[in-house]
Protein backbone atom coordinates (compact mmCIF):
# COMPACT_ATOMS: atom_id res chain seq x y z
CA MET A 1 97.60 51.83 216.23
CA SER A 2 99.18 49.99 213.69
CA ASN A 3 99.08 46.85 213.04
CA THR A 4 101.81 44.63 212.88
CA LYS A 5 103.29 46.84 209.99
CA PHE A 6 100.92 48.89 209.08
CA GLY A 7 98.36 51.60 210.84
CA PRO A 8 99.23 54.30 212.85
CA ALA A 9 102.46 52.84 214.00
CA ALA A 10 105.75 55.39 214.09
CA ALA A 11 108.67 53.83 212.07
CA LYS A 12 111.21 56.65 213.22
CA ILE A 13 113.93 54.92 215.58
CA ALA A 14 114.54 57.47 218.22
CA ALA A 15 117.34 56.70 220.21
CA ALA A 16 115.97 56.49 224.58
CA SER A 17 118.07 59.85 225.00
CA ALA A 18 115.24 61.87 222.72
CA ALA A 19 112.68 60.37 224.66
CA THR A 20 110.84 63.26 226.25
CA LEU A 21 109.46 63.03 229.88
CA LEU A 22 105.81 64.39 229.89
CA LEU A 23 105.03 63.63 233.34
CA SER A 24 106.15 62.88 236.54
CA SER A 25 104.64 63.07 240.31
CA CYS A 26 106.08 62.87 243.31
CA GLY A 27 104.31 60.24 245.01
CA ALA A 28 107.09 58.16 246.74
CA ALA A 29 105.99 54.87 249.09
CA ALA A 30 108.02 51.89 247.43
CA ASP A 31 106.41 48.87 246.92
CA SER A 32 106.32 46.73 249.79
CA GLU A 33 107.00 43.39 247.28
CA GLY A 34 110.02 45.03 245.89
CA ALA A 35 108.92 46.48 242.85
CA SER A 36 110.03 49.83 241.73
CA ASP A 37 107.97 52.67 243.16
CA THR A 38 107.91 54.74 239.95
CA VAL A 39 106.01 53.30 236.70
CA ARG A 40 107.10 53.79 233.21
CA ILE A 41 104.74 54.29 230.34
CA ALA A 42 105.77 54.71 227.11
CA LEU A 43 103.22 57.61 225.60
CA ASN A 44 102.98 56.93 221.66
CA GLY A 45 101.59 59.78 219.39
CA TRP A 46 97.71 59.30 219.13
CA VAL A 47 95.14 61.19 221.70
CA GLY A 48 93.38 58.02 222.79
CA TYR A 49 96.67 56.19 224.02
CA GLU A 50 97.22 59.50 225.91
CA ALA A 51 93.42 58.81 227.43
CA ASN A 52 94.62 55.10 228.41
CA ALA A 53 97.84 56.54 229.67
CA ALA A 54 95.90 59.62 231.61
CA VAL A 55 93.38 56.98 233.04
CA VAL A 56 96.17 54.67 234.61
CA SER A 57 98.61 57.01 235.52
CA HIS A 58 95.69 59.16 237.53
CA LEU A 59 95.33 55.62 239.54
CA LEU A 60 98.51 54.62 240.05
CA GLU A 61 99.43 57.73 241.39
CA ASN A 62 96.22 59.02 243.56
CA LYS A 63 95.19 55.33 244.62
CA LEU A 64 98.62 53.20 244.77
CA ASP A 65 100.73 56.14 245.49
CA TYR A 66 103.24 55.74 242.45
CA THR A 67 105.27 57.61 240.84
CA THR A 68 104.78 57.49 236.94
CA GLU A 69 106.72 58.96 234.35
CA LEU A 70 104.99 59.08 230.46
CA LEU A 71 107.35 58.85 227.97
CA GLU A 72 107.03 60.42 224.12
CA MET A 73 108.14 57.97 221.61
CA ASP A 74 106.88 56.24 218.61
CA GLU A 75 105.82 52.73 218.60
CA ARG A 76 108.87 50.76 217.51
CA THR A 77 111.03 52.92 219.66
CA ALA A 78 108.50 51.88 222.31
CA TRP A 79 109.53 48.03 222.05
CA GLN A 80 112.93 48.79 222.14
CA GLU A 81 112.73 50.86 225.18
CA LEU A 82 110.62 48.09 227.21
CA ALA A 83 113.35 45.01 225.51
CA ALA A 84 116.25 47.59 227.01
CA ASP A 85 114.76 48.07 230.39
CA ASP A 86 113.80 51.35 230.07
CA VAL A 87 110.12 51.28 229.61
CA ASP A 88 107.91 49.50 231.74
CA VAL A 89 104.49 48.69 229.76
CA ILE A 90 103.25 49.71 226.04
CA LEU A 91 99.39 50.14 226.74
CA GLU A 92 97.76 49.89 223.68
CA ASN A 93 99.74 47.60 220.88
CA TRP A 94 98.58 47.20 217.84
CA GLY A 95 99.46 43.95 216.71
CA HIS A 96 103.37 43.89 215.60
CA GLU A 97 103.54 40.25 215.78
CA ASP A 98 106.93 40.60 213.98
CA LEU A 99 107.81 42.37 216.92
CA MET A 100 106.49 40.03 219.70
CA GLU A 101 108.69 37.21 218.04
CA LEU A 102 111.48 39.17 218.12
CA TYR A 103 111.72 40.12 221.92
CA SER A 104 109.74 37.30 222.83
CA ALA A 105 111.68 34.15 221.90
CA GLU A 106 112.45 32.02 225.14
CA GLU A 107 115.61 32.03 225.06
CA SER A 108 116.22 35.39 225.66
CA GLN A 109 112.31 36.79 227.12
CA GLN A 110 112.40 40.85 226.87
CA VAL A 111 108.71 41.43 226.61
CA VAL A 112 105.51 39.99 227.95
CA ASP A 113 102.19 39.94 226.48
CA GLY A 114 99.79 41.57 228.89
CA GLY A 115 96.40 40.41 227.61
CA PRO A 116 93.71 42.77 226.10
CA ASN A 117 92.98 46.57 227.26
CA GLY A 118 89.42 46.09 225.93
CA THR A 119 89.44 48.31 222.75
CA ASP A 120 88.90 46.69 219.39
CA GLY A 121 91.17 48.75 216.53
CA LYS A 122 90.14 49.17 212.95
CA LEU A 123 91.66 50.98 210.45
CA GLY A 124 90.58 51.89 207.09
CA TRP A 125 89.80 54.55 204.65
CA TYR A 126 86.92 56.86 205.15
CA MET A 127 84.67 59.57 203.79
CA PRO A 128 81.73 61.92 205.26
CA LYS A 129 78.47 60.47 204.19
CA TYR A 130 77.58 63.56 202.41
CA VAL A 131 80.08 62.82 199.40
CA VAL A 132 78.30 59.03 199.60
CA ASP A 133 74.92 60.14 199.35
CA SER A 134 76.13 62.37 196.29
CA TYR A 135 78.18 59.50 194.68
CA PRO A 136 76.26 55.94 195.55
CA GLY A 137 78.89 53.94 195.36
CA ILE A 138 81.80 55.67 195.49
CA ASP A 139 82.91 53.80 199.14
CA THR A 140 83.71 50.68 197.81
CA ALA A 141 87.16 49.78 195.65
CA ALA A 142 85.12 49.81 192.28
CA GLY A 143 83.52 53.20 192.91
CA LEU A 144 86.22 54.62 194.56
CA LYS A 145 87.82 53.74 191.40
CA GLU A 146 85.60 55.40 189.06
CA HIS A 147 85.53 58.23 190.59
CA THR A 148 89.18 59.59 192.32
CA GLU A 149 88.82 62.81 190.61
CA VAL A 150 86.45 64.09 193.25
CA PHE A 151 88.57 64.09 196.06
CA ALA A 152 91.04 65.61 193.39
CA PRO A 153 92.45 69.30 195.43
CA SER A 154 90.25 72.23 194.45
CA ASP A 155 93.69 74.26 193.10
CA GLY A 156 93.89 71.88 190.00
CA GLY A 157 94.67 68.47 188.73
CA SER A 158 92.37 65.47 188.54
CA THR A 159 94.58 62.97 190.96
CA GLY A 160 93.17 62.44 193.95
CA ARG A 161 93.80 63.62 197.50
CA LEU A 162 94.24 60.61 200.16
CA LEU A 163 94.86 62.30 203.44
CA GLY A 164 97.32 60.76 205.95
CA SER A 165 98.01 61.70 209.67
CA ASP A 166 101.52 61.89 211.08
CA PRO A 167 104.05 60.99 208.02
CA SER A 168 106.10 58.68 210.40
CA PHE A 169 103.05 56.09 210.46
CA VAL A 170 102.90 53.02 208.63
CA THR A 171 100.42 52.26 206.46
CA GLN A 172 99.51 49.98 203.63
CA ASP A 173 97.85 52.78 201.67
CA GLN A 174 100.14 53.25 198.82
CA GLY A 175 99.92 49.33 198.08
CA MET A 176 96.45 49.52 198.30
CA ILE A 177 96.46 52.25 195.52
CA ASN A 178 98.40 50.71 193.82
CA HIS A 179 96.78 47.06 193.56
CA PHE A 180 93.59 48.78 193.12
CA GLY A 181 94.97 51.17 189.95
CA LEU A 182 93.47 54.34 192.12
CA ASP A 183 94.51 57.58 190.75
CA LEU A 184 95.59 59.08 194.76
CA GLU A 185 98.50 60.42 195.73
CA ILE A 186 98.85 60.64 199.59
CA ASP A 187 99.04 63.78 201.55
CA TYR A 188 100.22 63.80 205.23
CA ALA A 189 98.42 66.00 207.87
CA GLY A 190 101.87 66.12 209.85
CA SER A 191 99.95 64.70 212.57
CA GLU A 192 96.17 62.94 214.42
CA LYS A 193 95.40 66.59 215.45
CA LYS A 194 96.07 68.19 212.13
CA GLN A 195 94.58 65.88 210.03
CA ILE A 196 91.21 65.74 211.91
CA ALA A 197 91.33 70.09 211.83
CA GLU A 198 91.20 69.18 208.26
CA VAL A 199 88.87 66.90 208.34
CA ARG A 200 86.59 69.38 210.27
CA LYS A 201 87.02 72.06 207.90
CA ALA A 202 85.92 69.87 204.67
CA TYR A 203 83.12 68.49 206.35
CA GLU A 204 81.97 72.31 207.51
CA LYS A 205 81.78 73.17 203.71
CA LYS A 206 80.35 69.65 202.87
CA GLU A 207 83.18 69.26 200.51
CA PRO A 208 84.79 65.71 199.54
CA VAL A 209 87.57 64.33 201.28
CA LEU A 210 89.15 60.66 201.69
CA PHE A 211 91.62 60.02 204.71
CA TYR A 212 93.41 57.09 206.46
CA PHE A 213 91.80 57.07 210.15
CA TYR A 214 91.20 54.76 212.95
CA GLU A 215 88.35 53.09 215.94
CA PRO A 216 88.60 53.64 218.64
CA GLN A 217 88.49 57.41 217.68
CA TRP A 218 86.70 60.41 219.91
CA ALA A 219 85.93 62.71 216.02
CA PHE A 220 83.23 59.73 215.24
CA GLU A 221 80.90 60.93 218.13
CA GLU A 222 80.69 64.39 216.02
CA LEU A 223 81.49 63.43 212.33
CA ASP A 224 78.87 61.19 210.02
CA LEU A 225 81.81 58.57 208.10
CA VAL A 226 81.18 56.19 206.30
CA LYS A 227 84.54 53.17 205.85
CA VAL A 228 85.58 52.48 202.59
CA ASP A 229 85.09 48.41 201.51
CA PHE A 230 87.82 46.52 200.60
CA PRO A 231 88.21 43.12 199.83
CA ASP A 232 88.49 41.61 203.83
CA TYR A 233 92.06 41.25 205.04
CA VAL A 234 93.52 37.82 204.65
CA SER A 235 97.05 36.49 206.10
CA MET A 236 99.80 37.97 204.24
CA CYS A 237 97.04 39.59 201.90
CA GLU A 238 99.99 42.87 203.09
CA ILE A 239 103.44 40.64 203.01
CA ASP A 240 104.12 42.70 199.36
CA PRO A 241 103.74 46.64 200.94
CA GLU A 242 104.14 47.75 196.85
CA ASP A 243 101.01 45.59 195.73
CA VAL A 244 98.31 45.44 199.51
CA GLY A 245 95.04 43.19 197.70
CA CYS A 246 92.62 43.40 200.98
CA ASP A 247 91.66 45.70 203.91
CA TYR A 248 93.31 46.43 206.90
CA PRO A 249 93.39 43.41 209.67
CA GLU A 250 91.34 44.37 212.97
CA TYR A 251 92.46 43.82 216.23
CA GLU A 252 92.09 43.05 219.79
CA LEU A 253 94.24 45.80 221.68
CA ASN A 254 96.45 44.61 223.97
CA LYS A 255 99.25 45.37 226.56
CA VAL A 256 102.82 44.47 226.51
CA TYR A 257 105.14 44.91 229.62
CA ARG A 258 108.50 44.60 229.97
CA LYS A 259 109.76 41.12 231.85
CA GLY A 260 111.21 42.12 234.48
CA PHE A 261 108.16 44.62 235.63
CA ALA A 262 105.71 41.89 234.97
CA ASP A 263 107.52 39.04 236.90
CA ALA A 264 108.30 41.51 239.84
CA GLY A 265 104.29 41.50 240.43
CA GLY A 266 103.94 44.50 241.87
CA ALA A 267 100.58 46.49 242.79
CA ALA A 268 101.67 48.51 239.90
CA TYR A 269 101.61 45.72 237.41
CA ARG A 270 98.49 44.04 238.84
CA LEU A 271 96.61 47.50 238.31
CA ILE A 272 97.49 48.17 234.88
CA ASP A 273 97.40 43.89 234.39
CA ASN A 274 93.44 44.13 235.87
CA TRP A 275 92.97 47.39 233.45
CA GLU A 276 90.08 47.25 230.99
CA TRP A 277 88.08 49.00 229.37
CA THR A 278 86.03 49.82 226.38
CA ASN A 279 86.17 51.76 223.07
CA GLU A 280 83.50 54.01 224.43
CA ASP A 281 85.35 54.83 227.83
CA GLN A 282 88.55 55.84 226.07
CA ASN A 283 86.90 58.30 223.36
CA GLU A 284 84.85 60.02 226.15
CA VAL A 285 88.46 60.69 227.81
CA ALA A 286 90.40 61.16 224.58
CA ARG A 287 87.28 63.66 223.89
CA MET A 288 87.76 65.60 227.56
CA ILE A 289 91.48 65.94 226.06
CA ALA A 290 91.04 66.41 222.36
CA GLU A 291 87.66 68.35 222.17
CA ASP A 292 87.05 70.20 225.50
CA GLY A 293 90.68 71.18 225.79
CA MET A 294 91.25 69.63 229.42
CA SER A 295 94.58 68.30 230.37
CA ARG A 296 95.53 65.15 230.66
CA GLU A 297 95.56 64.51 234.40
CA GLU A 298 91.88 67.15 234.07
CA ALA A 299 90.24 64.67 232.01
CA ALA A 300 91.59 61.46 233.88
CA LYS A 301 89.71 63.10 237.10
CA THR A 302 86.64 63.50 235.85
CA TRP A 303 86.56 60.42 234.19
CA VAL A 304 87.19 58.86 237.26
CA GLU A 305 84.99 60.46 239.30
CA GLU A 306 82.56 59.52 237.22
CA ASN A 307 82.87 55.72 236.71
CA PRO A 308 83.79 54.10 240.15
CA ASP A 309 82.40 51.12 239.14
CA THR A 310 84.42 50.55 236.36
CA TRP A 311 87.66 51.15 237.75
CA LYS A 312 87.64 49.95 241.22
CA PRO A 313 88.05 46.40 240.00
CA TRP A 314 90.77 47.22 238.81
CA ILE A 315 92.78 47.91 242.58
CA PRO A 316 94.92 44.60 243.54
CA ALA A 317 92.48 43.65 246.26
CA ASP A 318 95.68 43.80 248.92
CA THR A 319 96.14 47.31 248.57
């Protein structure tokens, strides 16, 4: 979940050999249209993306008899692997216009825009509503500047803490801190899971906490959160990463295909091309994985059993 340069986008570039194979099944019917019977799906590091991959993989394997491979890698590496023909699809792309321009140039096109996956992405800074109730106006840039000490660690000091997620996620947070003159330091939790655990701990104690977060996100179902109001995003306002005077943009999240995968036009490609669901659908599966302790396969199977009217139109009519 990142935008073109910012958001929960992974910036560390991993070699293809370092991608971890997380899931592989053994269905093995060859695609009668000549496409490969194995679909390689990039798996990025947030549970909402896991929910996407779990359901798409489950349907490919159980309805179309494909083998799927879910390959763990950061976002930028996923684009590189897509262009190198080592990954077939990215299921949730947060902008990355720079990479789309790089890899889809007409003279050497390597990737194809797959259109929306149905979810809408939002990035920003959030705090619990009880903080806003105690400090009216703190959910604005001016109010936050006035009260940054509210978010200072309890072990001393007056500099506030902005809780980040995975340190490899690329954000515009430091540029916003600089531009708005905020006495804040970014403290990375290490992962989405650890970040949510820290937020929940503060929430249970009714302690102030300010953190970078995003939607779709299952945790909004249990936490009453308020988004900090910054000036609306305008094109190019983030061009200088050290001085960002606007909020994050919002996204219609989309799929991206390896060109050869799209050109082959097999049943797997057509299913993924038909696949669109909502933030609510994704959150339902993500919650089962993150909160209920289900495996990806268990969560996907449960969702598929309960939502046939949603997924049946995704199955190619001629299969």
